[in-house]
Amino acid sequence: MSITVNLYYTGENGNALKFAQEMESSGTADAIRREEGNLRYEYFQPLQDKETVLLIDSWESQQALDVHHASPMMQTIAALRDKYDLHMRVERYVSDDETTQDDKFIRK
């Protein structure tokens, strides 16, 4: 069972994108990607909302996510969120590892 958290960072004057760019340029995002249990850590920008950046953050387990949340890395992230005055909306998904018929709708 994996856990995916979608974090929508919203700010003003392009601050959400500046935040994501600093996360990448500072090496913070890469350090998170190297954490044990991290499956995905990627930023995207919705086409219809230039003041929001979406982070898709996936982990192997709740335990791996808890270790990440307890790490000093969270202080770095919180400081950057404050620097850019960002607000957040969160969606959380847990995989069910169930085989579905969805493959017939996916072009590979």
Protein backbone atom coordinates (compact mmCIF):
# COMPACT_ATOMS: atom_id res chain seq x y z
CA MET A 1 0.00 0.00 0.00
CA SER A 2 1.48 3.35 -1.03
CA ILE A 3 0.40 6.84 -0.03
CA THR A 4 0.17 9.80 -2.38
CA VAL A 5 -0.33 13.32 -1.15
CA ASN A 6 -1.24 16.08 -3.58
CA LEU A 7 -0.27 19.45 -2.15
CA TYR A 8 -1.57 22.56 -3.88
CA TYR A 9 0.60 25.56 -2.99
CA THR A 10 -1.06 28.90 -3.77
CA GLY A 11 0.40 32.38 -3.46
CA GLU A 12 0.51 35.70 -5.25
CA ASN A 13 2.80 37.27 -7.85
CA GLY A 14 4.22 33.92 -8.96
CA ASN A 15 5.37 32.96 -5.45
CA ALA A 16 4.20 29.35 -5.72
CA LEU A 17 6.37 28.81 -8.79
CA LYS A 18 9.30 30.62 -7.12
CA PHE A 19 8.91 28.27 -4.13
CA ALA A 20 9.03 25.18 -6.36
CA GLN A 21 12.01 26.55 -8.27
CA GLU A 22 13.89 27.20 -5.02
CA MET A 23 13.03 23.71 -3.75
CA GLU A 24 14.64 22.35 -6.93
CA SER A 25 17.61 24.71 -7.22
CA SER A 26 18.57 24.38 -3.54
CA GLY A 27 18.71 20.59 -3.79
CA THR A 28 15.96 20.18 -1.19
CA ALA A 29 13.63 18.36 -3.60
CA ASP A 30 16.43 16.00 -4.67
CA ALA A 31 17.26 15.28 -1.02
CA ILE A 32 13.62 14.33 -0.41
CA ARG A 33 13.64 12.09 -3.49
CA ARG A 34 16.61 10.24 -1.98
CA GLU A 35 14.83 9.62 1.33
CA GLU A 36 14.07 5.98 2.03
CA GLY A 37 10.53 5.15 0.96
CA ASN A 38 10.02 8.10 -1.38
CA LEU A 39 8.44 7.01 -4.66
CA ARG A 40 7.73 10.37 -6.29
CA TYR A 41 8.29 14.05 -5.61
CA GLU A 42 7.33 16.24 -8.58
CA TYR A 43 6.01 19.74 -9.09
CA PHE A 44 3.44 20.74 -11.73
CA GLN A 45 1.60 23.94 -12.58
CA PRO A 46 -2.09 23.83 -13.54
CA LEU A 47 -2.65 25.49 -16.92
CA GLN A 48 -5.69 27.39 -15.67
CA ASP A 49 -4.11 28.71 -12.43
CA LYS A 50 -0.66 30.32 -12.67
CA GLU A 51 -0.70 31.17 -8.94
CA THR A 52 -0.81 27.50 -7.88
CA VAL A 53 1.78 24.73 -8.00
CA LEU A 54 0.87 21.09 -7.44
CA LEU A 55 3.29 18.77 -5.66
CA ILE A 56 2.67 15.05 -6.13
CA ASP A 57 4.43 13.34 -3.22
CA SER A 58 4.28 9.52 -2.96
CA TRP A 59 5.64 7.20 -0.29
CA GLU A 60 5.89 3.43 0.14
CA SER A 61 4.12 3.50 3.52
CA GLN A 62 2.75 5.68 6.29
CA GLN A 63 5.89 4.88 8.28
CA ALA A 64 8.14 6.31 5.54
CA LEU A 65 5.97 9.41 5.36
CA ASP A 66 6.07 9.80 9.16
CA VAL A 67 9.89 9.60 9.12
CA HIS A 68 9.96 12.30 6.45
CA HIS A 69 7.59 14.51 8.47
CA ALA A 70 9.83 14.12 11.54
CA SER A 71 13.00 15.02 9.62
CA PRO A 72 14.78 18.40 9.73
CA MET A 73 13.80 18.72 6.05
CA MET A 74 10.33 19.82 7.17
CA GLN A 75 11.80 22.92 8.85
CA THR A 76 13.43 23.87 5.54
CA ILE A 77 10.15 23.41 3.67
CA ALA A 78 8.17 25.37 6.30
CA ALA A 79 10.65 28.25 6.12
CA LEU A 80 10.32 28.41 2.33
CA ARG A 81 6.52 28.31 2.55
CA ASP A 82 6.67 31.24 4.95
CA LYS A 83 9.18 33.11 2.77
CA TYR A 84 6.79 32.93 -0.18
CA ASP A 85 3.62 33.34 1.95
CA LEU A 86 1.98 30.21 0.54
CA HIS A 87 -1.31 28.60 1.50
CA MET A 88 -2.00 24.91 0.98
CA ARG A 89 -4.76 22.52 0.07
CA VAL A 90 -4.11 18.80 0.53
CA GLU A 91 -5.56 15.63 -0.99
CA ARG A 92 -4.46 12.24 0.29
CA TYR A 93 -4.79 8.92 -1.53
CA VAL A 94 -3.98 5.39 -0.38
CA SER A 95 -3.47 2.73 -3.02
CA ASP A 96 -5.60 -0.34 -2.77
CA ASP A 97 -3.28 -2.47 -4.95
CA GLU A 98 -6.37 -3.94 -6.57
CA THR A 99 -6.22 -5.07 -10.17
CA THR A 100 -8.76 -3.20 -12.24
CA GLN A 101 -10.07 -3.14 -15.77
CA ASP A 102 -8.60 0.34 -16.29
CA ASP A 103 -5.86 -0.97 -18.58
CA LYS A 104 -8.28 -1.22 -21.48
CA PHE A 105 -8.63 2.58 -21.37
CA ILE A 106 -4.90 3.34 -21.26
CA ARG A 107 -2.89 3.74 -24.43
CA LYS A 108 0.70 2.63 -23.88
